[in-house]
Amino acid sequence: MTAVIQTAKKKYYREVITIGLILSFLLLSTVFSTAQAGVFTGERDTLSNSRPGVNSNHTVRFVTDNAFAVDETLVIAFDSTFDGSSLTEPGDFDLSYGGASGDATEVLLTAGAPSATEWRVEADNTVITFITASAANTLPGSGEIVVVEIGTNADAQTQGTNQMVNPSKVAAEGTADILNVNLTYDANGVNDTGTALVAIIEGVTVSATVAETLSARIETDVDANCDATFGSQDNSGSVTNTSVTYGTLTADQFRHECQKLIVSTNAANGFSATSQENTALYESSAGNTIDNFAEGSASPTTGNTWSTTYGFGYACSNTYDGGIQSGVCSETNSLNFRPFADRSISQDPAEFLSSAGATTNTSLVNYRIRVSADQQAGDYSNIVTYVFTPTF
């Protein structure tokens, strides 16, 4: 009987000791689990420019493991071959967290001490340290996306003005240098960590040559366009692509005809067009001429409205088929007329139409004439020359 009781007591003690050990392990497990290090997920660093030796913005993104606590540190350590010496706090930095894109809550940053609403940011060249706020309502929880922007892409509080500089390359041409960006959240000496990788590689130089082009055409146009643009006048003459024929003129009556000038060029600095006649309208048998238009201040380079005087002149309009063309007639008023520059009296060709860049332009030129009752009879003619010059 005594032996049975002793055996039972021993079994009892073993069970008590075993239960005590199990409880001890559970308590230890509980203590250690509250301070267990974590691992970030989804780490990446997106560069705005991956070429060696150039300025670049950085957008660092990761997903938290443990919730962040007050007055702790988040450190982003770039490879030491980067150059972040020009970065300034807090303007060149943004930090946000939460939501599907990590931008639900924008954190207020300061270069001073952290507060209940502000995190401190410290930039030491390639090591960026954030000290969390002193209030828990401004901290990311577990499993939240955190986004840090560094450079001119930081614009939540103020516009960032400085960028990090990418390192020179070490690997062979065409092979990227792969560099680490180490992420560490330090909570009382227990770290959550992660690593993002970036590739520094040369850009691809693409080259191509576009041939220089220029085309110019003189074409006829319907009388209605001529009248609508320059006012209704007698236009009973005939026009081809290379001639304007008024026919028999009536004294004191205005006559006009029109041609289209169509210019197309890919010249970066556009084109200019000049005009010049070989002589005033000339009757060869007796040597008589019809004077060039000369009302007011009219000259080959200056236009003037045409009211009462006699002569032969021209005007240019930027408006065609209801639209303003990219070419610009020198006279902004299409009812300002000029005489053609006259080569027979040593007048230089005068610019009357131009563009500031590549263009396909249609302008309308109006040829107007009016003679007096004492204009000598005869057949008059001259040749008008247009020169189109692109500026590449």
Protein backbone atom coordinates (compact mmCIF):
# COMPACT_ATOMS: atom_id res chain seq x y z
CA MET A 1 0.00 0.00 0.00
CA THR A 2 2.81 2.38 0.88
CA ALA A 3 4.55 1.67 -2.45
CA VAL A 4 1.38 2.48 -4.40
CA ILE A 5 0.96 5.82 -2.66
CA GLN A 6 4.59 6.78 -3.29
CA THR A 7 4.26 5.91 -6.96
CA ALA A 8 1.17 8.08 -7.27
CA LYS A 9 2.92 11.00 -5.61
CA LYS A 10 5.85 10.78 -7.99
CA LYS A 11 3.50 10.75 -10.99
CA TYR A 12 1.70 13.77 -9.59
CA TYR A 13 4.93 15.71 -9.15
CA ARG A 14 6.04 14.86 -12.69
CA GLU A 15 2.76 16.18 -14.08
CA VAL A 16 3.04 19.38 -12.06
CA ILE A 17 6.62 19.92 -13.20
CA THR A 18 5.66 19.21 -16.81
CA ILE A 19 2.72 21.64 -16.72
CA GLY A 20 4.95 24.27 -15.13
CA LEU A 21 7.53 23.92 -17.87
CA ILE A 22 4.86 24.20 -20.57
CA LEU A 23 3.49 27.37 -18.99
CA SER A 24 6.99 28.79 -18.77
CA PHE A 25 7.63 28.17 -22.45
CA LEU A 26 4.29 29.73 -23.36
CA LEU A 27 5.10 32.82 -21.33
CA LEU A 28 8.55 33.10 -22.90
CA SER A 29 7.04 32.61 -26.35
CA THR A 30 4.55 35.37 -25.66
CA VAL A 31 7.28 37.73 -24.48
CA PHE A 32 9.48 37.08 -27.51
CA SER A 33 6.62 37.35 -30.02
CA THR A 34 5.86 40.94 -29.00
CA ALA A 35 9.39 41.99 -30.03
CA GLN A 36 9.85 39.77 -33.06
CA ALA A 37 11.72 41.27 -36.05
CA GLY A 38 9.74 41.56 -39.27
CA VAL A 39 10.38 41.64 -42.99
CA PHE A 40 9.06 44.28 -45.38
CA THR A 41 7.44 43.06 -48.59
CA GLY A 42 6.97 44.58 -52.01
CA GLU A 43 10.11 46.69 -51.77
CA ARG A 44 11.04 48.73 -54.82
CA ASP A 45 12.80 51.95 -55.76
CA THR A 46 11.67 53.55 -59.01
CA LEU A 47 14.15 55.98 -60.59
CA SER A 48 13.11 58.77 -62.92
CA ASN A 49 16.37 58.29 -64.84
CA SER A 50 18.57 55.19 -64.66
CA ARG A 51 21.52 56.48 -66.68
CA PRO A 52 24.93 56.72 -64.99
CA GLY A 53 26.01 60.06 -63.55
CA VAL A 54 22.71 61.91 -64.05
CA ASN A 55 20.25 63.45 -61.60
CA SER A 56 17.31 61.25 -60.71
CA ASN A 57 14.24 61.22 -58.49
CA HIS A 58 13.57 58.16 -56.32
CA THR A 59 10.21 56.68 -55.34
CA VAL A 60 10.71 54.06 -52.62
CA ARG A 61 7.76 51.78 -51.82
CA PHE A 62 7.31 48.91 -49.35
CA VAL A 63 4.65 47.16 -47.27
CA THR A 64 5.07 47.19 -43.48
CA ASP A 65 5.21 44.04 -41.39
CA ASN A 66 4.77 45.34 -37.85
CA ALA A 67 2.83 48.49 -37.09
CA PHE A 68 5.02 51.53 -36.59
CA ALA A 69 5.34 52.94 -33.08
CA VAL A 70 5.93 56.46 -31.80
CA ASP A 71 9.43 57.96 -31.71
CA GLU A 72 11.07 55.15 -33.72
CA THR A 73 13.28 55.34 -36.82
CA LEU A 74 12.93 54.36 -40.45
CA VAL A 75 16.24 54.39 -42.32
CA ILE A 76 16.63 54.26 -46.11
CA ALA A 77 20.29 53.60 -46.95
CA PHE A 78 21.24 53.93 -50.60
CA ASP A 79 24.41 52.40 -51.98
CA SER A 80 27.25 54.74 -51.06
CA THR A 81 28.12 55.34 -54.72
CA PHE A 82 25.02 57.51 -55.07
CA ASP A 83 25.40 61.22 -54.27
CA GLY A 84 22.68 62.80 -52.15
CA SER A 85 24.75 65.66 -50.81
CA SER A 86 22.50 68.32 -52.35
CA LEU A 87 19.29 67.04 -50.74
CA THR A 88 17.71 69.34 -48.18
CA GLU A 89 15.17 68.63 -45.47
CA PRO A 90 12.24 68.60 -45.55
CA GLY A 91 11.56 70.08 -49.00
CA ASP A 92 13.13 67.31 -51.09
CA PHE A 93 11.16 64.57 -49.30
CA ASP A 94 7.60 63.28 -49.14
CA LEU A 95 6.31 60.32 -47.10
CA SER A 96 2.82 58.86 -47.27
CA TYR A 97 1.11 55.62 -46.33
CA GLY A 98 -2.15 53.70 -46.50
CA GLY A 99 -4.71 52.97 -49.18
CA ALA A 100 -4.30 50.99 -52.36
CA SER A 101 -1.41 53.17 -53.59
CA GLY A 102 0.19 54.27 -50.35
CA ASP A 103 -1.03 57.84 -50.68
CA ALA A 104 -4.05 57.89 -48.37
CA THR A 105 -2.23 59.77 -45.59
CA GLU A 106 0.44 62.36 -46.32
CA VAL A 107 2.88 62.71 -43.42
CA LEU A 108 3.98 66.18 -42.36
CA LEU A 109 7.78 66.33 -42.32
CA THR A 110 10.09 68.64 -40.44
CA ALA A 111 13.82 69.15 -40.14
CA GLY A 112 13.31 69.86 -36.43
CA ALA A 113 12.19 67.65 -33.59
CA PRO A 114 9.26 65.29 -34.26
CA SER A 115 5.91 66.21 -32.74
CA ALA A 116 2.49 64.66 -32.39
CA THR A 117 1.74 65.53 -36.03
CA GLU A 118 5.20 65.68 -37.67
CA TRP A 119 7.96 63.22 -38.46
CA ARG A 120 11.57 64.37 -38.52
CA VAL A 121 13.63 63.73 -41.66
CA GLU A 122 17.43 63.77 -41.64
CA ALA A 123 19.52 63.51 -44.83
CA ASP A 124 23.13 62.42 -44.50
CA ASN A 125 24.17 62.07 -48.14
CA THR A 126 22.95 58.55 -49.02
CA VAL A 127 21.38 57.70 -45.65
CA ILE A 128 17.90 59.11 -45.07
CA THR A 129 16.44 58.78 -41.56
CA PHE A 130 12.83 59.39 -40.57
CA ILE A 131 11.87 59.64 -36.88
CA THR A 132 8.20 58.86 -36.38
CA ALA A 133 5.77 61.23 -34.71
CA SER A 134 4.99 61.13 -31.02
CA ALA A 135 1.31 60.33 -31.56
CA ALA A 136 0.07 56.94 -32.78
CA ASN A 137 -2.65 58.37 -35.01
CA THR A 138 0.00 59.51 -37.55
CA LEU A 139 1.67 56.10 -37.98
CA PRO A 140 1.21 53.30 -40.53
CA GLY A 141 -0.20 50.04 -39.23
CA SER A 142 0.75 46.50 -40.09
CA GLY A 143 0.45 45.58 -43.78
CA GLU A 144 0.20 49.15 -45.04
CA ILE A 145 1.94 50.55 -48.10
CA VAL A 146 4.52 53.26 -47.40
CA VAL A 147 5.79 55.53 -50.19
CA VAL A 148 8.80 57.85 -49.91
CA GLU A 149 9.53 60.35 -52.70
CA ILE A 150 12.96 61.94 -52.92
CA GLY A 151 13.79 64.76 -55.32
CA THR A 152 11.73 67.08 -57.48
CA ASN A 153 8.86 64.59 -57.36
CA ALA A 154 8.37 65.59 -53.70
CA ASP A 155 5.66 68.24 -53.87
CA ALA A 156 3.18 67.55 -51.06
CA GLN A 157 4.45 70.26 -48.68
CA THR A 158 6.79 72.28 -50.87
CA GLN A 159 8.23 71.62 -54.31
CA GLY A 160 11.45 69.64 -54.15
CA THR A 161 14.33 71.28 -55.96
CA ASN A 162 17.25 68.85 -55.63
CA GLN A 163 17.86 65.27 -56.77
CA MET A 164 20.25 62.44 -56.04
CA VAL A 165 22.99 61.79 -58.58
CA ASN A 166 23.37 58.30 -59.98
CA PRO A 167 26.81 56.70 -59.69
CA SER A 168 29.15 56.02 -62.58
CA LYS A 169 28.97 52.49 -63.99
CA VAL A 170 31.39 49.68 -63.27
CA ALA A 171 29.93 46.83 -65.30
CA ALA A 172 30.61 46.43 -69.01
CA GLU A 173 28.82 48.67 -71.47
CA GLY A 174 25.22 47.58 -71.84
CA THR A 175 25.27 45.63 -68.55
CA ALA A 176 23.55 47.21 -65.55
CA ASP A 177 25.13 47.80 -62.17
CA ILE A 178 22.66 46.37 -59.63
CA LEU A 179 22.71 48.31 -56.36
CA ASN A 180 20.96 47.83 -53.02
CA VAL A 181 18.66 50.22 -51.23
CA ASN A 182 18.40 48.93 -47.64
CA LEU A 183 15.30 49.66 -45.57
CA THR A 184 15.30 49.37 -41.76
CA TYR A 185 12.60 50.16 -39.22
CA ASP A 186 14.13 50.17 -35.72
CA ALA A 187 11.69 49.65 -32.84
CA ASN A 188 13.66 49.54 -29.57
CA GLY A 189 16.51 47.64 -31.19
CA VAL A 190 14.30 45.10 -33.00
CA ASN A 191 14.43 45.69 -36.74
CA ASP A 192 12.00 45.21 -39.60
CA THR A 193 14.10 45.13 -42.76
CA GLY A 194 13.88 44.95 -46.53
CA THR A 195 15.98 45.55 -49.62
CA ALA A 196 15.09 47.17 -52.93
CA LEU A 197 17.28 46.80 -56.00
CA VAL A 198 18.00 49.43 -58.64
CA ALA A 199 19.70 49.07 -62.00
CA ILE A 200 22.06 51.76 -63.34
CA ILE A 201 22.51 51.36 -67.09
CA GLU A 202 23.31 53.45 -70.14
CA GLY A 203 20.54 54.98 -72.20
CA VAL A 204 20.02 53.94 -75.80
CA THR A 205 20.92 56.64 -78.31
CA VAL A 206 18.45 56.60 -81.18
CA SER A 207 19.26 58.68 -84.25
CA ALA A 208 17.48 59.34 -87.51
CA THR A 209 17.72 61.89 -90.27
CA VAL A 210 14.71 63.64 -91.75
CA ALA A 211 15.42 65.10 -95.15
CA GLU A 212 14.90 68.83 -95.57
CA THR A 213 11.83 69.63 -97.62
CA LEU A 214 10.35 72.65 -99.37
CA SER A 215 7.54 72.83 -101.85
CA ALA A 216 5.84 75.90 -103.28
CA ARG A 217 2.96 76.18 -105.72
CA ILE A 218 1.05 79.01 -107.36
CA GLU A 219 -2.54 78.06 -108.13
CA THR A 220 -5.75 79.68 -109.31
CA ASP A 221 -8.67 80.26 -106.98
CA VAL A 222 -12.38 80.93 -107.36
CA ASP A 223 -13.48 84.55 -107.74
CA ALA A 224 -15.72 84.29 -104.67
CA ASN A 225 -12.72 83.81 -102.36
CA CYS A 226 -10.99 86.81 -103.87
CA ASP A 227 -14.05 89.04 -103.40
CA ALA A 228 -14.75 87.74 -99.86
CA THR A 229 -11.19 88.47 -98.73
CA PHE A 230 -10.33 91.72 -100.51
CA GLY A 231 -13.74 93.22 -101.28
CA SER A 232 -15.88 92.86 -104.40
CA GLN A 233 -14.19 94.21 -107.50
CA ASP A 234 -14.45 93.50 -111.20
CA ASN A 235 -12.65 90.19 -111.73
CA SER A 236 -13.73 89.45 -115.28
CA GLY A 237 -10.19 88.72 -116.41
CA SER A 238 -8.57 85.28 -116.57
CA VAL A 239 -6.00 83.63 -114.28
CA THR A 240 -3.80 80.56 -114.71
CA ASN A 241 -1.07 79.21 -112.48
CA THR A 242 1.48 81.34 -114.32
CA SER A 243 -0.45 84.35 -115.62
CA VAL A 244 -2.91 87.07 -114.67
CA THR A 245 -4.74 88.64 -117.63
CA TYR A 246 -7.01 91.60 -116.96
CA GLY A 247 -8.05 92.14 -120.56
CA THR A 248 -9.21 95.61 -121.57
CA LEU A 249 -9.29 98.03 -118.67
CA THR A 250 -11.96 100.66 -118.04
CA ALA A 251 -10.77 104.03 -116.82
CA ASP A 252 -11.28 104.76 -113.09
CA GLN A 253 -12.52 101.23 -112.41
CA PHE A 254 -10.79 98.91 -109.93
CA ARG A 255 -10.00 95.45 -111.27
CA HIS A 256 -8.53 92.57 -109.28
CA GLU A 257 -7.57 88.91 -109.63
CA CYS A 258 -6.20 86.40 -107.09
CA GLN A 259 -3.85 83.45 -106.88
CA LYS A 260 -3.11 81.00 -104.08
CA LEU A 261 0.44 80.59 -102.83
CA ILE A 262 0.87 77.17 -101.18
CA VAL A 263 4.13 76.64 -99.26
CA SER A 264 5.15 73.54 -97.32
CA THR A 265 8.41 73.03 -95.45
CA ASN A 266 9.75 71.11 -92.46
CA ALA A 267 12.36 73.78 -91.77
CA ALA A 268 12.58 74.34 -88.00
CA ASN A 269 12.76 78.11 -88.48
CA GLY A 270 10.15 78.30 -91.20
CA PHE A 271 10.41 80.12 -94.50
CA SER A 272 10.30 83.57 -96.02
CA ALA A 273 8.82 84.63 -99.36
CA THR A 274 9.87 87.70 -101.33
CA SER A 275 8.38 89.34 -104.40
CA GLN A 276 9.84 91.46 -107.17
CA GLU A 277 8.75 92.61 -110.62
CA ASN A 278 11.17 93.04 -113.51
CA THR A 279 9.63 96.43 -114.28
CA ALA A 280 6.45 98.41 -113.86
CA LEU A 281 3.74 97.28 -116.28
CA TYR A 282 5.36 98.20 -119.59
CA GLU A 283 4.15 98.83 -123.13
CA SER A 284 7.12 98.03 -125.34
CA SER A 285 6.25 99.81 -128.60
CA ALA A 286 6.17 103.31 -127.12
CA GLY A 287 7.89 102.62 -123.80
CA ASN A 288 4.94 103.69 -121.67
CA THR A 289 4.29 102.30 -118.16
CA ILE A 290 1.43 101.97 -115.69
CA ASP A 291 2.68 103.42 -112.44
CA ASN A 292 3.12 101.23 -109.41
CA PHE A 293 0.71 101.80 -106.51
CA ALA A 294 1.95 104.74 -104.39
CA GLU A 295 -0.85 105.94 -102.12
CA GLY A 296 0.14 107.30 -98.71
CA SER A 297 3.21 105.60 -97.30
CA ALA A 298 2.99 102.60 -99.61
CA SER A 299 6.34 101.10 -100.61
CA PRO A 300 7.66 97.60 -101.39
CA THR A 301 8.08 97.07 -97.63
CA THR A 302 5.12 99.08 -96.27
CA GLY A 303 1.45 98.69 -97.05
CA ASN A 304 -1.29 101.28 -97.28
CA THR A 305 -5.02 101.22 -97.92
CA TRP A 306 -6.05 101.91 -101.51
CA SER A 307 -8.75 104.52 -101.95
CA THR A 308 -8.43 106.80 -104.99
CA THR A 309 -5.05 106.55 -106.64
CA TYR A 310 -4.13 104.84 -109.89
CA GLY A 311 -1.56 102.14 -110.45
CA PHE A 312 -0.77 98.46 -110.01
CA GLY A 313 -0.12 96.75 -106.66
CA TYR A 314 -0.81 93.68 -104.56
CA ALA A 315 -1.98 92.53 -101.12
CA CYS A 316 -1.64 89.29 -99.12
CA SER A 317 -4.07 87.54 -96.77
CA ASN A 318 -3.40 84.91 -94.10
CA THR A 319 -7.05 83.88 -94.09
CA TYR A 320 -8.03 81.14 -96.46
CA ASP A 321 -11.21 79.03 -96.51
CA GLY A 322 -12.21 80.57 -93.20
CA GLY A 323 -9.02 79.61 -91.33
CA ILE A 324 -5.97 81.58 -90.24
CA GLN A 325 -2.88 80.04 -91.80
CA SER A 326 0.42 79.45 -90.02
CA GLY A 327 2.24 81.62 -92.55
CA VAL A 328 2.11 85.33 -91.76
CA CYS A 329 1.68 88.01 -94.40
CA SER A 330 3.83 90.98 -93.51
CA GLU A 331 0.75 93.19 -93.62
CA THR A 332 -1.62 92.20 -90.84
CA ASN A 333 -4.42 94.05 -92.63
CA SER A 334 -5.22 92.27 -95.89
CA LEU A 335 -6.53 95.55 -97.32
CA ASN A 336 -3.11 97.17 -97.10
CA PHE A 337 -1.56 97.16 -100.57
CA ARG A 338 2.04 97.50 -101.68
CA PRO A 339 3.80 98.10 -104.98
CA PHE A 340 6.01 95.25 -106.10
CA ALA A 341 9.73 95.94 -105.69
CA ASP A 342 10.94 97.06 -109.14
CA ARG A 343 14.18 95.48 -110.31
CA SER A 344 14.51 97.97 -113.17
CA ILE A 345 15.11 100.75 -110.65
CA SER A 346 17.33 98.61 -108.38
CA GLN A 347 14.78 97.85 -105.69
CA ASP A 348 15.61 94.69 -103.74
CA PRO A 349 13.08 91.84 -103.43
CA ALA A 350 10.75 92.54 -100.48
CA GLU A 351 9.56 89.94 -97.98
CA PHE A 352 5.78 89.75 -97.82
CA LEU A 353 5.10 86.32 -96.30
CA SER A 354 6.88 84.15 -93.71
CA SER A 355 6.46 81.49 -91.03
CA ALA A 356 8.25 80.92 -87.73
CA GLY A 357 8.39 77.12 -88.02
CA ALA A 358 7.58 74.08 -90.10
CA THR A 359 4.31 74.62 -91.91
CA THR A 360 1.97 73.87 -94.76
CA ASN A 361 0.47 77.25 -95.57
CA THR A 362 -1.98 78.61 -98.10
CA SER A 363 -2.14 82.38 -98.57
CA LEU A 364 -4.09 84.46 -101.03
CA VAL A 365 -2.43 87.16 -103.15
CA ASN A 366 -4.54 89.89 -104.67
CA TYR A 367 -3.35 91.76 -107.81
CA ARG A 368 -5.18 95.10 -108.13
CA ILE A 369 -5.06 97.70 -110.91
CA ARG A 370 -6.72 101.03 -111.67
CA VAL A 371 -5.92 103.39 -114.56
CA SER A 372 -6.95 106.94 -115.40
CA ALA A 373 -8.68 108.12 -118.54
CA ASP A 374 -5.43 109.53 -119.92
CA GLN A 375 -3.42 106.30 -119.54
CA GLN A 376 -1.73 105.69 -122.92
CA ALA A 377 -3.26 102.94 -124.99
CA GLY A 378 -1.30 99.72 -125.55
CA ASP A 379 -0.61 96.22 -124.33
CA TYR A 380 1.19 96.27 -120.98
CA SER A 381 2.94 93.42 -119.18
CA ASN A 382 5.67 92.54 -116.71
CA ILE A 383 6.93 89.48 -114.82
CA VAL A 384 6.49 89.04 -111.05
CA THR A 385 8.95 86.67 -109.38
CA TYR A 386 8.41 84.98 -106.02
CA VAL A 387 11.35 83.51 -104.10
CA PHE A 388 10.68 81.03 -101.24
CA THR A 389 13.55 80.43 -98.82
CA PRO A 390 13.44 77.88 -95.97
CA THR A 391 15.53 78.39 -92.83
CA PHE A 392 16.67 75.05 -91.40
